[in-house]
Amino acid sequence: MPAYEYKCTACNCHFERRQKMSDAPISVCPECGGSVKRLISGGAGAISKGGESSFSDAGSSCGLGSCCSPGGSCCGNGMCE
């Protein structure tokens, strides 16, 4: 199942969901209930051997995007530090 990226037009929350290609796009933000827009992404990232990744997202501490901030909720995932 592919993962689709979404961004809320109201609160700028950035999240992704695994969905079947035949599923309807998500239309409601899980954080604020606003409308969301499905983003066009570059697909899967590079796969390398080893346990560490060289990818980093300077805009967040959990790698999920701009709505993640220290003490934040990462759109309900509870991963921000």
Protein backbone atom coordinates (compact mmCIF):
# COMPACT_ATOMS: atom_id res chain seq x y z
CA MET A 1 0.00 0.00 0.00
CA PRO A 2 1.45 3.40 -0.91
CA ALA A 3 1.81 6.23 1.58
CA TYR A 4 0.26 9.56 0.61
CA GLU A 5 1.35 12.91 2.05
CA TYR A 6 -1.20 15.53 3.08
CA LYS A 7 -1.04 19.12 4.32
CA CYS A 8 -3.80 20.98 6.14
CA THR A 9 -4.78 24.28 4.55
CA ALA A 10 -5.86 25.67 7.94
CA CYS A 11 -3.09 24.72 10.41
CA ASN A 12 -0.32 23.59 7.98
CA CYS A 13 -0.13 20.19 9.67
CA HIS A 14 1.86 17.77 7.48
CA PHE A 15 1.10 14.04 7.75
CA GLU A 16 1.04 10.87 5.71
CA ARG A 17 -1.30 7.89 5.54
CA ARG A 18 -1.01 4.47 3.94
CA GLN A 19 -3.99 3.92 1.66
CA LYS A 20 -5.02 1.71 -1.19
CA MET A 21 -4.78 3.41 -4.56
CA SER A 22 -8.54 2.95 -4.90
CA ASP A 23 -9.29 4.71 -1.56
CA ALA A 24 -10.68 8.23 -1.64
CA PRO A 25 -8.20 10.95 -0.58
CA ILE A 26 -8.42 12.12 3.04
CA SER A 27 -10.27 15.42 3.27
CA VAL A 28 -10.17 16.29 7.00
CA CYS A 29 -7.13 17.21 9.12
CA PRO A 30 -6.67 14.86 12.11
CA GLU A 31 -5.31 17.77 14.18
CA CYS A 32 -7.78 20.63 13.64
CA GLY A 33 -10.57 19.25 11.43
CA GLY A 34 -9.71 21.66 8.58
CA SER A 35 -9.53 20.68 4.93
CA VAL A 36 -6.40 18.97 3.63
CA LYS A 37 -4.65 18.79 0.30
CA ARG A 38 -2.83 15.70 -0.97
CA LEU A 39 0.76 16.55 -1.90
CA ILE A 40 2.81 15.23 -4.78
CA SER A 41 5.84 13.51 -3.34
CA GLY A 42 9.01 12.11 -4.83
CA GLY A 43 8.23 8.57 -3.75
CA ALA A 44 10.32 6.35 -1.52
CA GLY A 45 13.66 7.59 -0.26
CA ALA A 46 16.98 5.89 -0.72
CA ILE A 47 17.43 2.56 1.02
CA SER A 48 20.83 1.86 2.52
CA LYS A 49 22.37 -0.85 4.65
CA GLY A 50 22.89 -0.14 8.32
CA GLY A 51 20.77 1.25 11.09
CA GLU A 52 21.39 4.95 10.63
CA SER A 53 19.84 7.28 8.11
CA SER A 54 21.47 10.32 6.58
CA PHE A 55 18.08 12.01 6.02
CA SER A 56 17.19 14.86 8.33
CA ASP A 57 14.33 17.31 8.35
CA ALA A 58 15.58 20.58 9.82
CA GLY A 59 11.99 21.81 10.27
CA SER A 60 11.05 19.17 12.83
CA SER A 61 12.39 16.90 15.50
CA CYS A 62 10.41 13.86 14.34
CA GLY A 63 10.78 14.27 10.57
CA LEU A 64 7.08 14.74 9.86
CA GLY A 65 7.15 18.35 8.78
CA SER A 66 6.37 21.90 9.70
CA CYS A 67 3.61 21.34 12.28
CA CYS A 68 6.02 19.45 14.51
CA SER A 69 7.59 21.65 17.16
CA PRO A 70 9.17 21.00 20.55
CA GLY A 71 6.35 20.02 22.87
CA GLY A 72 4.01 19.58 19.89
CA SER A 73 2.07 16.50 18.93
CA CYS A 74 3.23 15.82 15.36
CA CYS A 75 -0.39 15.74 14.23
CA GLY A 76 -1.39 13.29 16.93
CA ASN A 77 1.61 10.97 16.72
CA GLY A 78 3.09 12.24 20.01
CA MET A 79 6.64 12.05 18.75
CA CYS A 80 7.98 15.59 19.31
CA GLU A 81 10.50 16.21 22.04
